[in-house]
């Protein structure tokens, strides 16, 4: 073999070995990947967060509760409410000759809101009279009342309108009534300060329309009310208590109450009843004559404390005790003193 061929073979062999060695050597590490620059929006995020945090205001505080309302004693509330209310008046009197008597007139009312402003109601009553004269005691279930209250408020002013009627099914009615029941009806009118006399007029159907307005704020309630009552005789046309085919009556009152603490309020009331037409009655000779002037109207006042309890969520008990007294005849002549026990349960 010539040197030229040998040299050529050697060169080829060395080149192949070099190529093999280079293939076996580890590859150099790749250059580090370039980190992309943060976008401008991301760079501005901390500043935006700081600005947003600076713009967040304090947490919203809950709205304060509405001002407390002092519930009247014998005026209607200026509110549409869900309530069951037991209201009893106990009256003590004498007959001017040393003999004393007492009357218990109890009312049971239920009302339920069908809308936030409208609440139908029904009211039942019972009068029990322990008369000074022997053998004249009596008890009478009186006329129920059905009706509805519509109420609204604007700021501190609340107002309500009432429409209703009696259902003439009370006892002590007709041409020959039970004497004790009839006397219990008469005594019940006075025990209730003549504010509920439509319920005791058991020979009459009575249409009732009234309204009230109240200021309620700063723990104070001042309320005024007026009511018109139109009576139509439906039975007992020969009875001594129903000598007129129709009669017109009215009632009015003012209530003021103040909350000493959230659980205790004190309320006072002035009440006035007046016949707008002059009723008649039968005298001892059986003739129809006008009632005496002193019997055409009645004035009374009442005052007392009331407690306010929350029994559970949405359930409230507001019991109260009031003392009432007549300011004019015939109540003053008979030394009338009245105590009212009022227990409303709101839900």
Protein backbone atom coordinates (compact mmCIF):
# COMPACT_ATOMS: atom_id res chain seq x y z
CA UNK A 1 0.00 0.00 0.00
CA UNK A 2 1.41 3.37 -0.89
CA UNK A 3 1.98 6.00 1.74
CA UNK A 4 -0.51 8.23 0.05
CA UNK A 5 -3.30 5.74 0.42
CA UNK A 6 -2.30 4.96 4.06
CA UNK A 7 -2.24 8.64 4.92
CA UNK A 8 -5.60 9.13 3.35
CA UNK A 9 -7.01 6.19 5.37
CA UNK A 10 -5.57 7.66 8.60
CA UNK A 11 -7.07 11.04 7.93
CA UNK A 12 -10.47 9.54 7.33
CA UNK A 13 -10.22 7.42 10.51
CA UNK A 14 -9.20 10.37 12.69
CA UNK A 15 -12.02 12.49 11.29
CA UNK A 16 -14.52 9.75 12.11
CA UNK A 17 -13.16 9.37 15.67
CA UNK A 18 -13.35 13.13 16.22
CA UNK A 19 -16.89 13.18 15.07
CA UNK A 20 -17.73 10.35 17.48
CA UNK A 21 -16.11 12.14 20.42
CA UNK A 22 -18.00 15.35 19.73
CA UNK A 23 -21.25 13.43 19.60
CA UNK A 24 -20.57 11.86 23.01
CA UNK A 25 -19.79 15.20 24.75
CA UNK A 26 -22.79 16.78 26.72
CA UNK A 27 -24.47 19.61 24.94
CA UNK A 28 -23.92 23.03 26.48
CA UNK A 29 -26.87 24.28 28.57
CA UNK A 30 -29.35 26.42 26.70
CA UNK A 31 -29.30 30.13 27.48
CA UNK A 32 -31.79 31.21 30.16
CA UNK A 33 -35.18 32.12 28.82
CA UNK A 34 -35.84 35.80 28.76
CA UNK A 35 -38.41 36.91 31.36
CA UNK A 36 -41.10 38.97 29.64
CA UNK A 37 -41.54 42.46 30.99
CA UNK A 38 -44.65 42.98 33.12
CA UNK A 39 -47.39 44.81 31.29
CA UNK A 40 -48.07 48.38 32.29
CA UNK A 41 -51.49 47.43 33.67
CA UNK A 42 -49.93 44.89 36.02
CA UNK A 43 -47.32 47.37 37.16
CA UNK A 44 -50.05 49.83 38.01
CA UNK A 45 -52.09 47.27 39.99
CA UNK A 46 -50.65 48.11 43.43
CA UNK A 47 -51.37 51.81 42.95
CA UNK A 48 -54.90 51.08 41.71
CA UNK A 49 -55.48 48.82 44.71
CA UNK A 50 -54.32 51.55 47.04
CA UNK A 51 -56.66 54.06 45.43
CA UNK A 52 -59.59 51.63 45.58
CA UNK A 53 -58.86 50.92 49.22
CA UNK A 54 -58.76 54.64 49.92
CA UNK A 55 -62.20 55.08 48.31
CA UNK A 56 -63.94 52.39 50.40
CA UNK A 57 -66.05 54.13 53.05
CA UNK A 58 -67.00 52.87 56.52
CA UNK A 59 -69.45 49.97 56.82
CA UNK A 60 -73.11 50.96 56.46
CA UNK A 61 -74.80 51.27 59.85
CA UNK A 62 -78.26 49.71 60.30
CA UNK A 63 -81.24 52.04 60.15
CA UNK A 64 -82.47 53.17 63.57
CA UNK A 65 -85.73 51.62 64.81
CA UNK A 66 -88.90 53.67 64.29
CA UNK A 67 -89.94 55.97 67.15
CA UNK A 68 -92.03 54.14 69.75
CA UNK A 69 -95.79 54.68 69.58
CA UNK A 70 -97.86 55.17 72.73
CA UNK A 71 -100.94 52.98 72.36
CA UNK A 72 -104.15 54.83 73.34
CA UNK A 73 -106.53 53.50 75.96
CA UNK A 74 -109.89 53.84 74.21
CA UNK A 75 -109.01 55.68 71.02
CA UNK A 76 -108.21 53.61 67.94
CA UNK A 77 -104.53 53.07 67.05
CA UNK A 78 -103.33 54.96 63.96
CA UNK A 79 -101.79 51.81 62.51
CA UNK A 80 -102.72 48.71 60.57
CA UNK A 81 -101.48 45.85 62.75
CA UNK A 82 -101.72 42.16 63.55
CA UNK A 83 -103.07 42.05 67.08
CA UNK A 84 -105.28 40.19 69.53
CA UNK A 85 -106.38 42.55 72.28
CA UNK A 86 -108.26 41.94 75.51
CA UNK A 87 -109.56 45.21 76.98
CA UNK A 88 -111.60 45.21 80.20
CA UNK A 89 -113.10 48.20 82.01
CA UNK A 90 -114.29 47.78 85.60
CA UNK A 91 -116.56 50.56 86.87
CA UNK A 92 -117.62 51.26 90.45
CA UNK A 93 -120.62 53.49 91.15
CA UNK A 94 -123.48 54.17 93.56
CA UNK A 95 -127.16 55.00 93.19
CA UNK A 96 -127.02 58.17 95.32
CA UNK A 97 -128.67 56.45 98.26
CA UNK A 98 -125.71 54.59 99.67
CA UNK A 99 -126.03 51.42 97.59
CA UNK A 100 -123.10 50.58 95.34
CA UNK A 101 -122.75 48.62 92.16
CA UNK A 102 -120.11 47.56 89.67
CA UNK A 103 -119.87 46.77 85.97
CA UNK A 104 -117.33 44.73 84.05
CA UNK A 105 -117.29 45.49 80.31
CA UNK A 106 -114.86 43.33 78.38
CA UNK A 107 -113.85 43.69 74.72
CA UNK A 108 -111.92 41.19 72.63
CA UNK A 109 -110.49 42.48 69.33
CA UNK A 110 -108.64 40.71 66.54
CA UNK A 111 -107.02 42.48 63.58
CA UNK A 112 -104.88 41.18 60.72
CA UNK A 113 -102.99 43.08 58.01
CA UNK A 114 -103.86 42.05 54.46
CA UNK A 115 -101.54 44.77 53.12
CA UNK A 116 -99.02 46.98 54.96
CA UNK A 117 -101.70 49.70 55.18
CA UNK A 118 -105.01 47.79 55.47
CA UNK A 119 -106.18 45.66 58.38
CA UNK A 120 -109.71 44.22 58.75
CA UNK A 121 -110.88 43.69 62.33
CA UNK A 122 -113.62 42.15 64.44
CA UNK A 123 -114.53 43.10 68.00
CA UNK A 124 -116.71 41.23 70.49
CA UNK A 125 -118.04 42.42 73.84
CA UNK A 126 -119.58 41.26 77.10
CA UNK A 127 -121.13 43.37 79.86
CA UNK A 128 -121.71 42.09 83.40
CA UNK A 129 -123.51 44.32 85.87
CA UNK A 130 -123.84 43.95 89.63
CA UNK A 131 -126.65 46.41 90.22
CA UNK A 132 -127.35 48.22 93.51
CA UNK A 133 -130.99 47.12 93.36
CA UNK A 134 -131.69 43.53 94.31
CA UNK A 135 -132.66 41.24 91.48
CA UNK A 136 -131.38 43.54 88.72
CA UNK A 137 -128.01 41.93 88.09
CA UNK A 138 -127.45 40.86 84.53
CA UNK A 139 -125.09 39.84 81.75
CA UNK A 140 -125.26 40.70 78.07
CA UNK A 141 -123.32 39.72 74.97
CA UNK A 142 -123.39 42.97 73.02
CA UNK A 143 -123.27 43.82 69.31
CA UNK A 144 -120.04 42.81 67.56
CA UNK A 145 -118.24 45.31 65.33
CA UNK A 146 -116.65 44.45 61.99
CA UNK A 147 -114.60 46.93 59.99
CA UNK A 148 -111.22 47.85 58.59
CA UNK A 149 -108.44 50.36 59.29
CA UNK A 150 -106.38 52.04 56.59
CA UNK A 151 -103.22 53.68 57.92
CA UNK A 152 -100.21 55.56 56.54
CA UNK A 153 -97.43 57.82 57.76
CA UNK A 154 -95.38 60.73 56.46
CA UNK A 155 -92.32 61.41 58.56
CA UNK A 156 -93.37 61.86 62.16
CA UNK A 157 -97.07 62.16 61.23
CA UNK A 158 -99.27 59.07 61.18
CA UNK A 159 -102.92 58.95 60.20
CA UNK A 160 -105.63 56.33 59.94
CA UNK A 161 -109.20 56.03 58.69
CA UNK A 162 -111.75 53.53 59.94
CA UNK A 163 -114.99 52.20 58.45
CA UNK A 164 -117.13 49.67 60.24
CA UNK A 165 -120.55 48.58 61.38
CA UNK A 166 -122.20 46.73 64.22
CA UNK A 167 -123.96 43.41 63.83
CA UNK A 168 -127.26 43.82 65.76
CA UNK A 169 -127.39 40.47 67.53
CA UNK A 170 -126.69 41.62 71.10
CA UNK A 171 -128.73 40.48 74.10
CA UNK A 172 -131.19 42.64 76.00
CA UNK A 173 -132.96 43.73 72.79
CA UNK A 174 -136.51 43.56 71.47
CA UNK A 175 -139.83 44.81 72.82
CA UNK A 176 -139.67 42.62 75.92
CA UNK A 177 -135.96 42.35 76.81
CA UNK A 178 -134.54 40.65 79.85
CA UNK A 179 -134.38 43.41 82.46
CA UNK A 180 -130.96 42.43 83.81
CA UNK A 181 -129.41 42.24 80.33
CA UNK A 182 -130.94 45.57 79.31
CA UNK A 183 -129.57 47.23 82.45
CA UNK A 184 -126.17 45.63 81.84
CA UNK A 185 -126.13 47.33 78.42
CA UNK A 186 -126.88 50.74 79.93
CA UNK A 187 -124.27 50.28 82.65
CA UNK A 188 -121.71 49.07 80.09
CA UNK A 189 -121.99 52.33 78.13
CA UNK A 190 -120.95 54.30 81.18
CA UNK A 191 -118.21 51.84 82.18
CA UNK A 192 -116.65 52.37 78.74
CA UNK A 193 -116.89 56.19 78.99
CA UNK A 194 -119.61 56.14 76.27
CA UNK A 195 -116.88 55.61 73.64
CA UNK A 196 -118.24 52.21 72.57
CA UNK A 197 -121.97 52.93 72.88
CA UNK A 198 -122.78 51.58 69.40
CA UNK A 199 -121.98 48.09 70.64
CA UNK A 200 -124.41 48.48 73.55
CA UNK A 201 -127.23 49.85 71.33
CA UNK A 202 -128.47 46.32 70.68
CA UNK A 203 -131.71 47.37 68.92
CA UNK A 204 -129.78 49.33 66.31
CA UNK A 205 -127.53 48.72 63.34
CA UNK A 206 -124.77 51.34 63.45
CA UNK A 207 -122.55 52.54 60.62
CA UNK A 208 -119.23 53.89 61.90
CA UNK A 209 -116.75 56.22 60.18
CA UNK A 210 -113.79 57.84 61.87
CA UNK A 211 -110.27 59.08 61.54
CA UNK A 212 -107.25 59.92 63.61
CA UNK A 213 -103.90 61.66 63.26
CA UNK A 214 -100.84 61.42 65.49
CA UNK A 215 -97.40 62.95 65.93
CA UNK A 216 -94.89 60.25 66.91
CA UNK A 217 -91.27 61.23 67.57
CA UNK A 218 -88.72 61.86 70.34
CA UNK A 219 -90.46 59.23 72.55
CA UNK A 220 -93.66 61.36 72.46
CA UNK A 221 -97.07 60.57 70.98
CA UNK A 222 -99.85 63.14 70.59
CA UNK A 223 -103.00 61.85 68.89
CA UNK A 224 -106.45 63.24 68.07
CA UNK A 225 -109.48 61.31 66.84
CA UNK A 226 -113.10 61.88 65.79
CA UNK A 227 -115.85 59.38 64.91
CA UNK A 228 -119.35 59.66 63.49
CA UNK A 229 -121.95 56.98 64.26
CA UNK A 230 -125.28 56.65 62.46
CA UNK A 231 -127.79 54.34 64.17
CA UNK A 232 -130.77 52.68 62.44
CA UNK A 233 -133.36 50.77 64.46
CA UNK A 234 -133.79 47.18 63.29
CA UNK A 235 -135.77 45.68 66.21
CA UNK A 236 -137.50 46.66 69.42
CA UNK A 237 -139.62 49.45 67.95
CA UNK A 238 -141.73 49.43 71.13
CA UNK A 239 -138.79 49.16 73.54
CA UNK A 240 -138.04 51.98 75.94
CA UNK A 241 -134.40 52.03 74.76
CA UNK A 242 -135.27 52.30 71.04
CA UNK A 243 -137.91 54.99 70.72
CA UNK A 244 -136.24 56.60 67.66
CA UNK A 245 -136.00 55.04 64.21
CA UNK A 246 -132.60 56.68 63.72
CA UNK A 247 -130.03 58.46 65.87
CA UNK A 248 -126.72 60.20 65.21
CA UNK A 249 -123.87 60.11 67.70
CA UNK A 250 -120.25 61.22 67.80
CA UNK A 251 -117.10 60.61 69.81
CA UNK A 252 -113.75 62.38 69.95
CA UNK A 253 -110.60 62.26 72.01
CA UNK A 254 -107.00 63.32 72.54
CA UNK A 255 -104.23 61.03 73.72
CA UNK A 256 -100.72 61.96 74.85
CA UNK A 257 -98.07 59.42 75.81
CA UNK A 258 -94.36 59.43 76.61
CA UNK A 259 -91.77 56.67 76.88
CA UNK A 260 -89.81 56.99 80.11
CA UNK A 261 -87.66 53.99 79.14
CA UNK A 262 -88.08 51.63 76.18
CA UNK A 263 -90.07 49.19 78.32
CA UNK A 264 -92.32 51.74 80.05
CA UNK A 265 -94.61 54.49 78.81
CA UNK A 266 -97.24 56.66 80.47
CA UNK A 267 -100.35 57.80 78.61
CA UNK A 268 -103.20 60.17 79.35
CA UNK A 269 -106.47 60.64 77.50
CA UNK A 270 -109.39 63.07 77.26
CA UNK A 271 -112.59 61.61 75.80
CA UNK A 272 -115.83 63.25 74.70
CA UNK A 273 -119.10 61.76 73.47
CA UNK A 274 -122.05 63.79 72.19
CA UNK A 275 -125.40 63.03 70.57
CA UNK A 276 -125.82 65.07 67.38
CA UNK A 277 -129.53 64.33 67.36
CA UNK A 278 -131.55 64.31 70.58
CA UNK A 279 -132.65 60.78 71.51
CA UNK A 280 -136.00 60.26 73.14
CA UNK A 281 -137.15 57.97 75.91
CA UNK A 282 -140.39 56.92 77.58
CA UNK A 283 -141.36 58.69 80.78
CA UNK A 284 -143.23 57.10 83.67
CA UNK A 285 -146.52 57.76 81.85
CA UNK A 286 -145.32 55.97 78.72
CA UNK A 287 -145.00 59.15 76.66
CA UNK A 288 -142.01 59.80 74.41
CA UNK A 289 -139.86 62.69 75.66
CA UNK A 290 -136.36 64.00 74.95
CA UNK A 291 -133.58 62.72 77.16
CA UNK A 292 -132.29 65.23 79.76
CA UNK A 293 -129.65 67.67 78.63
CA UNK A 294 -127.03 66.18 80.98
CA UNK A 295 -127.41 62.83 79.17
CA UNK A 296 -126.56 64.26 75.74
CA UNK A 297 -122.80 64.23 76.28
CA UNK A 298 -120.10 62.61 78.40
CA UNK A 299 -116.59 63.76 79.32
CA UNK A 300 -113.97 61.50 80.90
CA UNK A 301 -110.22 61.44 81.47
CA UNK A 302 -107.85 58.51 81.92
CA UNK A 303 -104.18 58.02 82.76
CA UNK A 304 -101.92 55.08 83.37
CA UNK A 305 -98.68 53.19 82.63
CA UNK A 306 -98.04 50.62 79.94
CA UNK A 307 -95.28 48.02 79.67
CA UNK A 308 -93.65 46.86 76.44
CA UNK A 309 -92.14 43.37 76.11
CA UNK A 310 -90.76 41.44 73.17
CA UNK A 311 -91.80 37.86 73.85
CA UNK A 312 -89.93 36.42 70.87
CA UNK A 313 -88.98 37.43 67.36
CA UNK A 314 -91.95 39.36 65.93
CA UNK A 315 -94.13 38.86 69.04
CA UNK A 316 -94.81 41.75 71.44
CA UNK A 317 -96.87 42.11 74.62
CA UNK A 318 -97.95 45.62 75.72
CA UNK A 319 -100.08 45.37 78.89
CA UNK A 320 -101.40 48.53 80.52
CA UNK A 321 -103.44 49.70 83.48
CA UNK A 322 -105.38 52.99 83.48
CA UNK A 323 -107.64 54.87 85.87
CA UNK A 324 -110.55 56.87 84.44
CA UNK A 325 -113.08 59.25 85.93
CA UNK A 326 -116.08 61.17 84.70
CA UNK A 327 -115.92 64.97 84.53
CA UNK A 328 -119.62 65.77 84.24
CA UNK A 329 -123.08 64.47 85.01
CA UNK A 330 -124.48 61.83 85.07
CA UNK A 331 -121.18 60.07 85.84
CA UNK A 332 -120.23 62.46 88.64
CA UNK A 333 -123.66 62.12 90.24
CA UNK A 334 -123.15 58.35 90.44
CA UNK A 335 -119.51 58.70 91.62
CA UNK A 336 -118.14 56.66 88.74
CA UNK A 337 -114.56 55.41 89.01
CA UNK A 338 -113.23 53.16 86.23
CA UNK A 339 -110.17 50.96 85.96
CA UNK A 340 -109.09 49.62 82.58
CA UNK A 341 -106.91 46.52 82.12
CA UNK A 342 -105.62 46.40 78.54
CA UNK A 343 -103.59 43.45 77.22
CA UNK A 344 -102.71 43.68 73.49
CA UNK A 345 -100.60 40.94 71.88
CA UNK A 346 -98.94 41.97 68.61
CA UNK A 347 -97.58 39.49 66.10
